C-alpha atoms as a PDB file:
ATOM      1  CA  MET A   1      -0.325  15.291   5.452  1.00  0.00           C
ATOM      2  CA  TRP A   2      -1.779  12.835   2.937  1.00  0.00           C
ATOM      3  CA  GLU A   3      -0.890  13.648  -0.692  1.00  0.00           C
ATOM      4  CA  SER A   4      -3.696  12.058  -2.685  1.00  0.00           C
ATOM      5  CA  LYS A   5      -2.122  12.112  -6.162  1.00  0.00           C
ATOM      6  CA  GLN A   6       0.923  10.094  -5.093  1.00  0.00           C
ATOM      7  CA  GLU A   7      -0.975   8.375  -2.278  1.00  0.00           C
ATOM      8  CA  LYS A   8       1.795   9.092   0.226  1.00  0.00           C
ATOM      9  CA  TRP A   9       2.090  10.524   3.716  1.00  0.00           C
ATOM     10  CA  TYR A  10       4.425  13.523   4.030  1.00  0.00           C
ATOM     11  CA  PHE A  11       5.936  14.624   7.341  1.00  0.00           C
ATOM     12  CA  SER A  12       7.374  17.921   8.533  1.00  0.00           C
ATOM     13  CA  VAL A  13      11.163  17.528   8.497  1.00  0.00           C
ATOM     14  CA  VAL A  14      11.668  20.189  11.188  1.00  0.00           C
ATOM     15  CA  ASP A  15       9.271  18.371  13.532  1.00  0.00           C
ATOM     16  CA  ILE A  16      11.155  15.097  12.976  1.00  0.00           C
ATOM     17  CA  ILE A  17      14.483  16.831  13.687  1.00  0.00           C
ATOM     18  CA  ARG A  18      13.086  18.475  16.843  1.00  0.00           C
ATOM     19  CA  THR A  19      11.772  15.153  18.149  1.00  0.00           C
ATOM     20  CA  LEU A  20      14.960  13.201  17.458  1.00  0.00           C
ATOM     21  CA  THR A  21      17.481  15.773  18.685  1.00  0.00           C
ATOM     22  CA  GLY A  22      15.587  17.783  21.287  1.00  0.00           C
ATOM     23  CA  SER A  23      17.169  20.856  19.681  1.00  0.00           C
ATOM     24  CA  SER A  24      15.735  24.259  20.592  1.00  0.00           C
ATOM     25  CA  ILE A  25      16.693  25.472  17.101  1.00  0.00           C
ATOM     26  CA  PRO A  26      15.596  22.597  14.833  1.00  0.00           C
ATOM     27  CA  ARG A  27      15.413  24.831  11.750  1.00  0.00           C
ATOM     28  CA  ARG A  28      19.093  25.741  12.122  1.00  0.00           C
ATOM     29  CA  TYR A  29      19.940  22.077  12.715  1.00  0.00           C
ATOM     30  CA  TRP A  30      18.021  21.116   9.546  1.00  0.00           C
ATOM     31  CA  SER A  31      19.759  23.884   7.569  1.00  0.00           C
ATOM     32  CA  ASP A  32      23.197  22.588   8.631  1.00  0.00           C
ATOM     33  CA  LEU A  33      22.172  18.988   7.902  1.00  0.00           C
ATOM     34  CA  LYS A  34      20.975  19.959   4.421  1.00  0.00           C
ATOM     35  CA  ASN A  35      24.347  21.570   3.663  1.00  0.00           C
ATOM     36  CA  ASN A  36      26.188  18.451   4.862  1.00  0.00           C
ATOM     37  CA  LEU A  37      23.994  16.172   2.747  1.00  0.00           C
ATOM     38  CA  ILE A  38      24.606  18.296  -0.336  1.00  0.00           C
ATOM     39  CA  LYS A  39      28.377  18.199   0.272  1.00  0.00           C
ATOM     40  CA  GLU A  40      28.190  14.401   0.588  1.00  0.00           C
ATOM     41  CA  GLY A  41      26.440  14.201  -2.774  1.00  0.00           C
ATOM     42  CA  SER A  42      23.251  12.839  -1.215  1.00  0.00           C
ATOM     43  CA  GLU A  43      20.065  13.059  -3.308  1.00  0.00           C
ATOM     44  CA  VAL A  44      17.895  13.370  -0.196  1.00  0.00           C
ATOM     45  CA  TYR A  45      17.534  17.137  -0.462  1.00  0.00           C
ATOM     46  CA  GLU A  46      16.177  16.807  -4.014  1.00  0.00           C
ATOM     47  CA  LYS A  47      13.304  14.706  -2.620  1.00  0.00           C
ATOM     48  CA  ILE A  48      12.201  17.364  -0.134  1.00  0.00           C
ATOM     49  CA  VAL A  49       8.788  18.834  -0.998  1.00  0.00           C
ATOM     50  CA  GLN A  50       7.196  21.969   0.408  1.00  0.00           C
ATOM     51  CA  PHE A  51       3.601  21.809   1.620  1.00  0.00           C
ATOM     52  CA  LYS A  52       1.535  24.152   3.724  1.00  0.00           C
ATOM     53  CA  MET A  53       1.184  22.931   7.294  1.00  0.00           C
ATOM     54  CA  THR A  54      -0.170  24.494  10.454  1.00  0.00           C
ATOM     55  CA  ALA A  55       2.622  26.319  12.319  1.00  0.00           C
ATOM     56  CA  GLU A  56       2.830  26.910  16.071  1.00  0.00           C
ATOM     57  CA  ASP A  57       1.064  30.250  15.644  1.00  0.00           C
ATOM     58  CA  GLY A  58      -1.890  28.472  14.022  1.00  0.00           C
ATOM     59  CA  LYS A  59      -1.192  29.842  10.530  1.00  0.00           C
ATOM     60  CA  GLU A  60      -0.655  27.771   7.414  1.00  0.00           C
ATOM     61  CA  ARG A  61       2.965  28.080   6.252  1.00  0.00           C
ATOM     62  CA  ASP A  62       5.123  26.384   3.637  1.00  0.00           C
ATOM     63  CA  THR A  63       7.483  23.903   5.253  1.00  0.00           C
ATOM     64  CA  ASP A  64       9.948  21.236   4.116  1.00  0.00           C
ATOM     65  CA  THR A  65       8.354  17.789   4.126  1.00  0.00           C
ATOM     66  CA  ALA A  66       9.430  14.313   3.088  1.00  0.00           C
ATOM     67  CA  ASP A  67       7.832  10.924   2.488  1.00  0.00           C
ATOM     68  CA  VAL A  68       8.535   7.881   4.661  1.00  0.00           C
ATOM     69  CA  GLU A  69      11.486   6.637   2.603  1.00  0.00           C
ATOM     70  CA  THR A  70      13.229  10.003   2.696  1.00  0.00           C
ATOM     71  CA  ILE A  71      12.524  10.488   6.416  1.00  0.00           C
ATOM     72  CA  LEU A  72      14.122   7.121   7.171  1.00  0.00           C
ATOM     73  CA  ARG A  73      17.170   8.147   5.142  1.00  0.00           C
ATOM     74  CA  LEU A  74      17.373  11.428   7.074  1.00  0.00           C
ATOM     75  CA  ILE A  75      17.188   9.592  10.391  1.00  0.00           C
ATOM     76  CA  GLN A  76      20.347   7.708   9.425  1.00  0.00           C
ATOM     77  CA  SER A  77      22.163  11.048   9.187  1.00  0.00           C
ATOM     78  CA  VAL A  78      21.093  12.290  12.622  1.00  0.00           C
ATOM     79  CA  PRO A  79      23.572  11.480  15.446  1.00  0.00           C
ATOM     80  CA  SER A  80      21.116  11.086  18.306  1.00  0.00           C
ATOM     81  CA  PRO A  81      20.279   8.378  20.889  1.00  0.00           C
ATOM     82  CA  LYS A  82      16.622   8.645  19.853  1.00  0.00           C
ATOM     83  CA  ALA A  83      17.577   7.876  16.245  1.00  0.00           C
ATOM     84  CA  GLU A  84      19.572   4.769  17.176  1.00  0.00           C
ATOM     85  CA  PRO A  85      16.565   2.373  17.521  1.00  0.00           C
ATOM     86  CA  PHE A  86      15.440   3.370  14.010  1.00  0.00           C
ATOM     87  CA  LYS A  87      18.933   2.721  12.642  1.00  0.00           C
ATOM     88  CA  LEU A  88      19.043  -0.713  14.280  1.00  0.00           C
ATOM     89  CA  TRP A  89      15.590  -1.523  12.911  1.00  0.00           C
ATOM     90  CA  LEU A  90      16.625  -0.434   9.382  1.00  0.00           C
ATOM     91  CA  ALA A  91      19.694  -2.658   9.603  1.00  0.00           C
ATOM     92  CA  GLN A  92      17.475  -5.568  10.646  1.00  0.00           C
ATOM     93  CA  MET A  93      15.065  -4.920   7.765  1.00  0.00           C
ATOM     94  CA  GLY A  94      17.977  -4.784   5.335  1.00  0.00           C
ATOM     95  CA  ARG A  95      19.295  -8.120   6.608  1.00  0.00           C
ATOM     96  CA  GLU A  96      15.856  -9.702   6.268  1.00  0.00           C
ATOM     97  CA  ARG A  97      15.433  -8.449   2.697  1.00  0.00           C
ATOM     98  CA  LEU A  98      18.831  -9.907   1.747  1.00  0.00           C
ATOM     99  CA  GLU A  99      17.769 -13.216   3.280  1.00  0.00           C
ATOM    100  CA  GLU A 100      14.531 -13.106   1.272  1.00  0.00           C
ATOM    101  CA  ILE A 101      16.492 -12.588  -1.955  1.00  0.00           C
ATOM    102  CA  GLN A 102      18.352 -15.819  -1.180  1.00  0.00           C
ATOM    103  CA  ASP A 103      15.179 -17.607  -0.055  1.00  0.00           C
ATOM    104  CA  PRO A 104      11.930 -15.927  -1.265  1.00  0.00           C
ATOM    105  CA  GLU A 105       9.834 -18.327   0.850  1.00  0.00           C
ATOM    106  CA  LEU A 106      11.004 -16.411   3.924  1.00  0.00           C
ATOM    107  CA  ALA A 107       8.996 -13.368   2.762  1.00  0.00           C
ATOM    108  CA  MET A 108       5.788 -15.393   2.817  1.00  0.00           C
ATOM    109  CA  ASP A 109       6.629 -16.852   6.232  1.00  0.00           C
ATOM    110  CA  ARG A 110       7.203 -13.363   7.646  1.00  0.00           C
ATOM    111  CA  ALA A 111       3.988 -12.081   6.089  1.00  0.00           C
ATOM    112  CA  LYS A 112       2.067 -14.896   7.776  1.00  0.00           C
ATOM    113  CA  ALA A 113       3.721 -14.043  11.088  1.00  0.00           C
ATOM    114  CA  TYR A 114       2.720 -10.366  10.747  1.00  0.00           C
ATOM    115  CA  TYR A 115      -0.915 -11.312  10.114  1.00  0.00           C
ATOM    116  CA  GLU A 116      -0.879 -13.710  13.072  1.00  0.00           C
ATOM    117  CA  LYS A 117       0.403 -10.931  15.340  1.00  0.00           C
ATOM    118  CA  LYS A 118      -2.470  -8.753  14.148  1.00  0.00           C
ATOM    119  CA  GLY A 119      -4.932 -11.447  15.242  1.00  0.00           C
ATOM    120  CA  TYR A 120      -6.159 -12.757  11.885  1.00  0.00           C
ATOM    121  CA  PRO A 121      -7.533 -16.350  11.849  1.00  0.00           C
ATOM    122  CA  LYS A 122      -5.325 -19.017  10.252  1.00  0.00           C
ATOM    123  CA  GLU A 123      -7.957 -19.870   7.607  1.00  0.00           C
ATOM    124  CA  TRP A 124      -8.126 -16.209   6.571  1.00  0.00           C
ATOM    125  CA  ILE A 125      -4.324 -15.941   6.440  1.00  0.00           C
ATOM    126  CA  ASP A 126      -4.126 -18.975   4.130  1.00  0.00           C
ATOM    127  CA  LYS A 127      -6.578 -17.351   1.726  1.00  0.00           C
ATOM    128  CA  ARG A 128      -4.744 -14.024   1.920  1.00  0.00           C
ATOM    129  CA  MET A 129      -1.435 -15.704   1.052  1.00  0.00           C
ATOM    130  CA  ARG A 130      -3.057 -17.494  -1.875  1.00  0.00           C
ATOM    131  CA  GLY A 131      -4.537 -14.191  -2.989  1.00  0.00           C
ATOM    132  CA  ILE A 132      -1.096 -12.572  -2.966  1.00  0.00           C
ATOM    133  CA  ASN A 133       0.217 -15.289  -5.303  1.00  0.00           C
ATOM    134  CA  VAL A 134      -2.752 -14.863  -7.647  1.00  0.00           C
ATOM    135  CA  ARG A 135      -2.263 -11.085  -7.659  1.00  0.00           C
ATOM    136  CA  HIS A 136       1.457 -11.419  -8.414  1.00  0.00           C
ATOM    137  CA  SER A 137       0.729 -13.755 -11.341  1.00  0.00           C
ATOM    138  CA  LEU A 138      -1.620 -11.155 -12.797  1.00  0.00           C
ATOM    139  CA  THR A 139       0.665  -8.161 -12.274  1.00  0.00           C
ATOM    140  CA  ASP A 140       3.584 -10.112 -13.765  1.00  0.00           C
ATOM    141  CA  GLU A 141       1.480 -10.617 -16.901  1.00  0.00           C
ATOM    142  CA  TRP A 142       0.677  -6.913 -16.989  1.00  0.00           C
ATOM    143  CA  LYS A 143       4.314  -5.894 -16.577  1.00  0.00           C
ATOM    144  CA  ASN A 144       5.477  -8.340 -19.250  1.00  0.00           C
ATOM    145  CA  ARG A 145       2.871  -6.927 -21.628  1.00  0.00           C
ATOM    146  CA  GLY A 146       3.918  -3.304 -21.160  1.00  0.00           C
ATOM    147  CA  VAL A 147       1.502  -2.035 -18.515  1.00  0.00           C
ATOM    148  CA  LYS A 148       3.014   0.756 -16.428  1.00  0.00           C
ATOM    149  CA  LYS A 149       2.857   0.531 -12.662  1.00  0.00           C
ATOM    150  CA  GLY A 150       0.777   3.177 -10.978  1.00  0.00           C
ATOM    151  CA  GLN A 151      -2.159   4.643 -12.836  1.00  0.00           C
ATOM    152  CA  GLU A 152      -2.530   1.879 -15.446  1.00  0.00           C
ATOM    153  CA  PHE A 153      -2.353  -0.846 -12.771  1.00  0.00           C
ATOM    154  CA  ALA A 154      -4.991   1.063 -10.794  1.00  0.00           C
ATOM    155  CA  ILE A 155      -7.300   1.380 -13.819  1.00  0.00           C
ATOM    156  CA  LEU A 156      -7.135  -2.340 -14.597  1.00  0.00           C
ATOM    157  CA  THR A 157      -7.575  -3.303 -10.948  1.00  0.00           C
ATOM    158  CA  ASP A 158     -10.582  -1.006 -10.634  1.00  0.00           C
ATOM    159  CA  GLU A 159     -12.123  -2.654 -13.692  1.00  0.00           C
ATOM    160  CA  ILE A 160     -11.916  -6.039 -11.959  1.00  0.00           C
ATOM    161  CA  TYR A 161     -13.366  -4.587  -8.738  1.00  0.00           C
ATOM    162  CA  LYS A 162     -16.226  -2.906 -10.595  1.00  0.00           C
ATOM    163  CA  GLY A 163     -17.109  -6.146 -12.351  1.00  0.00           C
ATOM    164  CA  THR A 164     -16.860  -8.170  -9.142  1.00  0.00           C
ATOM    165  CA  PHE A 165     -18.326  -5.828  -6.533  1.00  0.00           C
ATOM    166  CA  ASP A 166     -19.886  -2.928  -8.517  1.00  0.00           C
ATOM    167  CA  MET A 167     -17.389  -0.583  -6.810  1.00  0.00           C
ATOM    168  CA  THR A 168     -13.936   0.820  -7.491  1.00  0.00           C
ATOM    169  CA  ALA A 169     -11.201   0.213  -4.900  1.00  0.00           C
ATOM    170  CA  GLN A 170     -11.672   3.686  -3.385  1.00  0.00           C
ATOM    171  CA  GLU A 171     -15.460   3.299  -3.257  1.00  0.00           C
ATOM    172  CA  TYR A 172     -14.989  -0.085  -1.598  1.00  0.00           C
ATOM    173  CA  LYS A 173     -12.667   1.467   1.008  1.00  0.00           C
ATOM    174  CA  ARG A 174     -15.242   4.122   1.821  1.00  0.00           C
ATOM    175  CA  HIS A 175     -17.862   1.367   2.118  1.00  0.00           C
ATOM    176  CA  LYS A 176     -15.681  -0.273   4.778  1.00  0.00           C
ATOM    177  CA  ALA A 177     -14.819   3.037   6.492  1.00  0.00           C
ATOM    178  CA  LEU A 178     -11.138   2.650   5.549  1.00  0.00           C
ATOM    179  CA  ASP A 179      -8.607   5.404   5.020  1.00  0.00           C
ATOM    180  CA  LYS A 180      -6.926   5.762   1.646  1.00  0.00           C
ATOM    181  CA  GLU A 181      -3.673   4.197   2.828  1.00  0.00           C
ATOM    182  CA  ASN A 182      -5.317   1.046   4.233  1.00  0.00           C
ATOM    183  CA  ASN A 183      -4.867  -2.137   2.207  1.00  0.00           C
ATOM    184  CA  LEU A 184      -8.403  -3.071   1.144  1.00  0.00           C
ATOM    185  CA  ARG A 185      -7.687  -6.816   0.931  1.00  0.00           C
ATOM    186  CA  ASP A 186      -6.539  -6.892   4.552  1.00  0.00           C
ATOM    187  CA  HIS A 187     -10.121  -5.963   5.483  1.00  0.00           C
ATOM    188  CA  MET A 188     -12.025  -8.412   3.291  1.00  0.00           C
ATOM    189  CA  ASN A 189     -13.902 -11.401   4.632  1.00  0.00           C
ATOM    190  CA  ASP A 190     -13.344 -14.931   3.282  1.00  0.00           C
ATOM    191  CA  ILE A 191     -15.884 -14.720   0.451  1.00  0.00           C
ATOM    192  CA  GLU A 192     -14.663 -11.278  -0.625  1.00  0.00           C
ATOM    193  CA  LEU A 193     -11.093 -12.596  -0.815  1.00  0.00           C
ATOM    194  CA  ILE A 194     -12.179 -15.641  -2.819  1.00  0.00           C
ATOM    195  CA  LEU A 195     -14.165 -13.525  -5.292  1.00  0.00           C
ATOM    196  CA  THR A 196     -11.213 -11.146  -5.678  1.00  0.00           C
ATOM    197  CA  MET A 197      -8.968 -14.127  -6.441  1.00  0.00           C
ATOM    198  CA  LEU A 198     -11.525 -15.459  -8.927  1.00  0.00           C
ATOM    199  CA  GLY A 199     -11.676 -12.136 -10.760  1.00  0.00           C
ATOM    200  CA  GLU A 200      -7.894 -11.816 -10.956  1.00  0.00           C
ATOM    201  CA  ALA A 201      -7.215 -15.478 -11.812  1.00  0.00           C
ATOM    202  CA  THR A 202      -9.842 -15.356 -14.571  1.00  0.00           C
ATOM    203  CA  THR A 203      -8.349 -12.120 -15.913  1.00  0.00           C
ATOM    204  CA  THR A 204      -4.918 -13.773 -16.007  1.00  0.00           C
ATOM    205  CA  LYS A 205      -6.330 -16.741 -17.947  1.00  0.00           C
ATOM    206  CA  PHE A 206      -8.099 -14.482 -20.462  1.00  0.00           C
ATOM    207  CA  THR A 207      -4.906 -12.491 -20.982  1.00  0.00           C
ATOM    208  CA  GLN A 208      -2.824 -15.622 -21.563  1.00  0.00           C
ATOM    209  CA  ASP A 209      -5.391 -17.380 -23.771  1.00  0.00           C
ATOM    210  CA  ARG A 210      -5.992 -14.273 -25.877  1.00  0.00           C
ATOM    211  CA  ASP A 211      -2.304 -13.265 -25.833  1.00  0.00           C
ATOM    212  CA  SER A 212      -3.441  -9.695 -25.158  1.00  0.00           C
ATOM    213  CA  LYS A 213      -0.784  -7.024 -25.631  1.00  0.00           C
ATOM    214  CA  GLU A 214      -2.203  -3.527 -25.867  1.00  0.00           C
ATOM    215  CA  PHE A 215      -3.689  -1.715 -22.893  1.00  0.00           C
ATOM    216  CA  GLN A 216      -7.156  -1.737 -24.437  1.00  0.00           C
ATOM    217  CA  GLU A 217      -6.999  -5.515 -24.848  1.00  0.00           C
ATOM    218  CA  LEU A 218      -5.841  -5.935 -21.256  1.00  0.00           C
ATOM    219  CA  HIS A 219      -8.589  -3.578 -20.138  1.00  0.00           C
ATOM    220  CA  LYS A 220     -11.154  -5.854 -21.812  1.00  0.00           C
ATOM    221  CA  ASP A 221      -9.610  -8.892 -20.105  1.00  0.00           C
ATOM    222  CA  ALA A 222      -9.946  -7.154 -16.714  1.00  0.00           C
ATOM    223  CA  LYS A 223     -13.544  -6.224 -17.442  1.00  0.00           C
ATOM    224  CA  ASP A 224     -14.415  -9.766 -18.533  1.00  0.00           C
ATOM    225  CA  GLY A 225     -12.588 -11.316 -15.565  1.00  0.00           C
ATOM    226  CA  GLY A 226     -14.445  -9.052 -13.154  1.00  0.00           C
ATOM    227  CA  SER A 227     -17.747  -9.919 -14.798  1.00  0.00           C
ATOM    228  CA  VAL A 228     -17.159 -13.640 -14.208  1.00  0.00           C
ATOM    229  CA  ALA A 229     -16.530 -13.013 -10.501  1.00  0.00           C
ATOM    230  CA  GLY A 230     -19.482 -10.599 -10.388  1.00  0.00           C
ATOM    231  CA  ARG A 231     -21.875 -13.193 -11.735  1.00  0.00           C
ATOM    232  CA  THR A 232     -20.601 -15.655  -9.125  1.00  0.00           C
ATOM    233  CA  ARG A 233     -21.198 -13.078  -6.370  1.00  0.00           C
ATOM    234  CA  LYS A 234     -24.761 -12.460  -7.544  1.00  0.00           C
ATOM    235  CA  ASP A 235     -25.411 -16.198  -7.703  1.00  0.00           C
ATOM    236  CA  ILE A 236     -24.211 -16.599  -4.111  1.00  0.00           C
ATOM    237  CA  GLU A 237     -26.354 -13.669  -2.981  1.00  0.00           C
ATOM    238  CA  SER A 238     -29.379 -15.041  -4.834  1.00  0.00           C
ATOM    239  CA  GLN A 239     -29.120 -18.446  -3.189  1.00  0.00           C
ATOM    240  CA  THR A 240     -28.213 -17.265   0.325  1.00  0.00           C
ATOM    241  CA  LYS A 241     -30.514 -14.229   0.293  1.00  0.00           C
ATOM    242  CA  LYS A 242     -27.627 -12.286   1.858  1.00  0.00           C
ATOM    243  CA  GLY A 243     -25.232  -9.681   0.525  1.00  0.00           C
ATOM    244  CA  VAL A 244     -21.611 -10.730   0.105  1.00  0.00           C
ATOM    245  CA  ILE A 245     -20.056  -7.282   0.426  1.00  0.00           C
ATOM    246  CA  GLY A 246     -19.563  -6.562   4.112  1.00  0.00           C
ATOM    247  CA  LYS A 247     -18.861  -3.298   5.903  1.00  0.00           C
ATOM    248  CA  GLU A 248     -16.755  -4.996   8.560  1.00  0.00           C
ATOM    249  CA  ASN A 249     -13.048  -4.215   8.761  1.00  0.00           C
ATOM    250  CA  PHE A 250     -10.086  -5.253  10.905  1.00  0.00           C
ATOM    251  CA  LEU A 251      -9.080  -1.799  12.101  1.00  0.00           C
ATOM    252  CA  PRO A 252      -7.668  -1.776  15.657  1.00  0.00           C
ATOM    253  CA  ASP A 253      -9.595   1.392  16.528  1.00  0.00           C
ATOM    254  CA  LYS A 254     -12.873  -0.516  16.033  1.00  0.00           C
ATOM    255  CA  LYS A 255     -14.010   1.756  13.208  1.00  0.00           C
ATOM    256  CA  VAL A 256     -16.406  -0.960  12.087  1.00  0.00           C
ATOM    257  CA  GLN A 257     -19.774  -0.505  10.466  1.00  0.00           C
ATOM    258  CA  LYS A 258     -22.337  -3.305  10.578  1.00  0.00           C
END
């Protein structure tokens, strides 16, 4: 199930256990595993959350669930041939992250490779990579000036989006028929990406030039930065007689509106 406040997917632990082990008594297996984890001093059990999910009898019942991170940790504790590919993959991911710590450029190279595998054009990928750098520069400024990740980041980002596109991030996702967990920028066209970069780069410049510190000052910077990009968008639309904001997306299931 999708938990909207934390913006996370949660999965039934018993279903995961049943799938990995083939056990006919997955609840007993999970009960024994929980006891072992507690004895080992693992904090996994503390991250288990109960949500109502549809049981086999069709009724809604409370069941143990976990987010992706916790599920992956649980998989490491399950001795099963079906769990082995996940364990190998996690080891590979860990190795790659260690390599990226030594050489951060590798992270960008791998990101480009992922986008290429998804079929994105090279010109789009170049803009997306540039956009990531611009975004990181802005969020670094926010973090250094005391902005808390999560809600405050979302508020400031929405202010830039509203100024640029007259929509919040969630409204923009609905416009493109995206689900909440989809990355909006991965579904923008070239002009949308460029305008997003303009709004964020301008916000960064305002913040640095004004030496903004308090959230309200940073909020004004975001609003002003978005307004600059918004005026550019309207100028483009006025001269081309076409709207910039597209409904197209890059979803593999072809959930595209035109």
